[in-house]
């Protein structure tokens, strides 16, 4: 069994740009609308910690981006 990737010829490629309607038709992807905030979503780039019954969420630079109660 050959597990090495093979090089594709240009004639085998069929690339095209996707527009918003194409992306909307795809299941299982992630969509993002600028300016949308959801308190149930944690920004995993920074982190989160709990202290004195509060949950602090950090942005990518380490700044506190939100404070909530610990469930």
N, C-alpha and C. Protein backbone atom coordinates (compact mmCIF):
# COMPACT_ATOMS: atom_id res chain seq x y z
N UNK A 1 0.85 -1.19 0.00
CA UNK A 1 0.00 0.00 0.00
C UNK A 1 0.89 1.25 0.00
N UNK A 2 0.66 2.13 -0.93
CA UNK A 2 1.43 3.36 -1.04
C UNK A 2 0.74 4.46 -0.23
N UNK A 3 1.42 4.94 0.79
CA UNK A 3 0.84 5.99 1.64
C UNK A 3 1.40 7.37 1.31
N UNK A 4 2.25 7.46 0.34
CA UNK A 4 2.83 8.74 -0.05
C UNK A 4 1.81 9.56 -0.85
N UNK A 5 1.68 10.85 -0.52
CA UNK A 5 0.77 11.68 -1.32
C UNK A 5 1.30 11.84 -2.73
N UNK A 6 0.40 11.88 -3.68
CA UNK A 6 0.84 12.05 -5.05
C UNK A 6 0.61 13.49 -5.49
N UNK A 7 1.37 13.94 -6.41
CA UNK A 7 1.24 15.29 -6.92
C UNK A 7 0.11 15.34 -7.94
N UNK A 8 -0.72 16.37 -7.84
CA UNK A 8 -1.85 16.51 -8.77
C UNK A 8 -1.43 17.34 -9.98
N UNK A 9 -1.98 17.00 -11.12
CA UNK A 9 -1.78 17.79 -12.32
C UNK A 9 -2.80 18.93 -12.32
N UNK A 10 -2.49 20.01 -12.98
CA UNK A 10 -3.40 21.15 -13.06
C UNK A 10 -4.74 20.76 -13.66
N UNK A 11 -4.76 19.77 -14.54
CA UNK A 11 -6.02 19.35 -15.15
C UNK A 11 -6.94 18.64 -14.16
N UNK A 12 -6.38 18.18 -13.02
CA UNK A 12 -7.18 17.49 -12.01
C UNK A 12 -7.80 18.45 -11.00
N UNK A 13 -7.39 19.69 -11.01
CA UNK A 13 -7.86 20.66 -10.04
C UNK A 13 -9.08 21.40 -10.56
N UNK A 14 -10.04 21.62 -9.70
CA UNK A 14 -11.23 22.38 -10.05
C UNK A 14 -11.53 23.34 -8.89
N UNK A 15 -10.73 24.37 -8.78
CA UNK A 15 -10.86 25.32 -7.68
C UNK A 15 -11.78 26.46 -8.07
N UNK A 16 -12.57 26.90 -7.09
CA UNK A 16 -13.42 28.07 -7.30
C UNK A 16 -13.68 28.74 -5.96
N UNK A 17 -13.95 30.02 -5.99
CA UNK A 17 -14.28 30.75 -4.77
C UNK A 17 -15.69 30.42 -4.33
N UNK A 18 -15.90 30.37 -3.02
CA UNK A 18 -17.23 30.14 -2.47
C UNK A 18 -17.82 31.48 -2.05
N UNK A 19 -19.11 31.65 -2.33
CA UNK A 19 -19.77 32.87 -1.87
C UNK A 19 -20.56 32.55 -0.60
N UNK A 20 -21.23 33.54 -0.02
CA UNK A 20 -21.93 33.37 1.25
C UNK A 20 -23.02 32.30 1.17
N UNK A 21 -23.71 32.21 0.05
CA UNK A 21 -24.77 31.19 -0.08
C UNK A 21 -24.17 29.79 -0.10
N UNK A 22 -22.98 29.63 -0.71
CA UNK A 22 -22.31 28.33 -0.69
C UNK A 22 -21.92 27.96 0.74
N UNK A 23 -21.38 28.91 1.47
CA UNK A 23 -20.96 28.65 2.85
C UNK A 23 -22.16 28.36 3.74
N UNK A 24 -23.29 29.03 3.53
CA UNK A 24 -24.50 28.78 4.31
C UNK A 24 -25.02 27.37 4.10
N UNK A 25 -24.77 26.80 2.94
CA UNK A 25 -25.27 25.46 2.63
C UNK A 25 -24.43 24.36 3.26
N UNK A 26 -23.27 24.68 3.79
CA UNK A 26 -22.38 23.68 4.36
C UNK A 26 -22.79 23.39 5.80
N UNK A 27 -22.91 22.11 6.14
CA UNK A 27 -23.23 21.72 7.52
C UNK A 27 -21.95 21.47 8.29
N UNK A 28 -22.00 21.76 9.59
CA UNK A 28 -20.89 21.43 10.46
C UNK A 28 -19.76 22.44 10.47
N UNK A 29 -19.92 23.54 9.82
CA UNK A 29 -18.87 24.55 9.82
C UNK A 29 -19.06 25.55 10.93
N UNK A 30 -18.22 26.54 10.94
CA UNK A 30 -18.33 27.59 11.93
C UNK A 30 -18.56 28.91 11.21
N UNK A 31 -19.57 29.63 11.63
CA UNK A 31 -19.84 30.95 11.07
C UNK A 31 -19.58 31.98 12.16
N UNK A 32 -19.13 33.13 11.77
CA UNK A 32 -18.86 34.19 12.72
C UNK A 32 -19.37 35.49 12.14
N UNK A 33 -20.14 36.19 12.95
CA UNK A 33 -20.63 37.51 12.57
C UNK A 33 -19.89 38.54 13.41
N UNK A 34 -19.15 39.46 12.80
CA UNK A 34 -18.39 40.44 13.57
C UNK A 34 -19.29 41.20 14.55
N UNK A 35 -18.77 41.39 15.76
CA UNK A 35 -19.49 42.14 16.78
C UNK A 35 -20.46 41.31 17.61
N UNK A 36 -20.59 40.03 17.29
CA UNK A 36 -21.51 39.18 18.04
C UNK A 36 -20.84 38.69 19.31
N UNK A 37 -21.55 38.82 20.44
CA UNK A 37 -21.02 38.32 21.72
C UNK A 37 -22.00 37.31 22.27
N UNK A 38 -21.49 36.21 22.76
CA UNK A 38 -22.31 35.18 23.38
C UNK A 38 -21.68 34.84 24.72
N UNK A 39 -22.37 35.08 25.83
CA UNK A 39 -21.77 34.83 27.14
C UNK A 39 -21.49 33.35 27.40
N UNK A 40 -22.08 32.46 26.62
CA UNK A 40 -21.86 31.03 26.82
C UNK A 40 -20.63 30.51 26.10
N UNK A 41 -19.98 31.35 25.29
CA UNK A 41 -18.82 30.93 24.52
C UNK A 41 -17.56 31.47 25.18
N UNK A 42 -16.60 30.59 25.39
CA UNK A 42 -15.33 30.96 26.01
C UNK A 42 -14.29 31.18 24.92
N UNK A 43 -13.58 32.29 24.99
CA UNK A 43 -12.50 32.55 24.04
C UNK A 43 -11.30 31.71 24.47
N UNK A 44 -11.08 30.60 23.82
CA UNK A 44 -10.04 29.65 24.22
C UNK A 44 -8.64 30.16 23.95
N UNK A 45 -8.50 31.27 23.23
CA UNK A 45 -7.16 31.79 22.94
C UNK A 45 -6.52 32.37 24.19
N UNK A 46 -7.31 32.88 25.11
CA UNK A 46 -6.75 33.51 26.31
C UNK A 46 -6.81 32.60 27.52
N UNK A 47 -7.98 32.19 27.91
CA UNK A 47 -8.12 31.30 29.04
C UNK A 47 -9.22 31.76 29.98
N UNK A 48 -9.33 31.04 31.08
CA UNK A 48 -10.39 31.31 32.04
C UNK A 48 -9.95 30.78 33.40
N UNK A 49 -10.34 31.48 34.48
CA UNK A 49 -10.08 30.97 35.82
C UNK A 49 -11.19 31.44 36.75
N UNK A 50 -11.37 30.72 37.85
CA UNK A 50 -12.38 31.06 38.85
C UNK A 50 -11.69 31.45 40.14
N UNK A 51 -12.26 32.46 40.82
CA UNK A 51 -11.69 32.96 42.06
C UNK A 51 -12.80 33.63 42.86
N UNK A 52 -12.96 33.22 44.11
CA UNK A 52 -13.97 33.80 45.01
C UNK A 52 -15.38 33.75 44.42
N UNK A 53 -15.72 32.65 43.76
CA UNK A 53 -17.05 32.48 43.21
C UNK A 53 -17.31 33.21 41.90
N UNK A 54 -16.28 33.80 41.32
CA UNK A 54 -16.42 34.49 40.04
C UNK A 54 -15.56 33.78 38.99
N UNK A 55 -16.00 33.83 37.74
CA UNK A 55 -15.24 33.28 36.63
C UNK A 55 -14.73 34.43 35.78
N UNK A 56 -13.42 34.47 35.59
CA UNK A 56 -12.77 35.52 34.80
C UNK A 56 -12.32 34.91 33.48
N UNK A 57 -12.70 35.54 32.37
CA UNK A 57 -12.28 35.10 31.05
C UNK A 57 -11.25 36.10 30.52
N UNK A 58 -10.16 35.56 29.98
CA UNK A 58 -9.06 36.40 29.50
C UNK A 58 -9.00 36.38 27.97
N UNK A 59 -8.61 37.52 27.40
CA UNK A 59 -8.41 37.55 25.95
C UNK A 59 -7.02 37.04 25.62
N UNK A 60 -6.67 37.07 24.36
CA UNK A 60 -5.38 36.51 23.93
C UNK A 60 -4.18 37.26 24.52
N UNK A 61 -4.38 38.51 24.91
CA UNK A 61 -3.29 39.30 25.50
C UNK A 61 -3.24 39.19 27.01
N UNK A 62 -4.16 38.40 27.62
CA UNK A 62 -4.17 38.22 29.06
C UNK A 62 -5.03 39.23 29.80
N UNK A 63 -5.73 40.10 29.09
CA UNK A 63 -6.62 41.07 29.73
C UNK A 63 -7.96 40.41 30.03
N UNK A 64 -8.57 40.80 31.17
CA UNK A 64 -9.88 40.26 31.52
C UNK A 64 -10.91 40.78 30.52
N UNK A 65 -11.59 39.83 29.83
CA UNK A 65 -12.59 40.23 28.83
C UNK A 65 -14.01 40.11 29.37
N UNK A 66 -14.20 39.28 30.41
CA UNK A 66 -15.53 39.20 31.02
C UNK A 66 -15.40 38.59 32.42
N UNK A 67 -16.38 38.90 33.26
CA UNK A 67 -16.47 38.37 34.61
C UNK A 67 -17.89 37.87 34.79
N UNK A 68 -18.03 36.66 35.29
CA UNK A 68 -19.35 36.09 35.55
C UNK A 68 -19.33 35.27 36.82
N UNK A 69 -20.49 34.82 37.24
CA UNK A 69 -20.57 33.98 38.42
C UNK A 69 -20.20 32.55 38.06
N UNK A 70 -19.56 31.85 39.00
CA UNK A 70 -19.17 30.46 38.78
C UNK A 70 -20.40 29.58 38.97
N UNK A 71 -20.70 28.73 38.00
CA UNK A 71 -21.89 27.87 38.13
C UNK A 71 -21.75 26.85 39.24
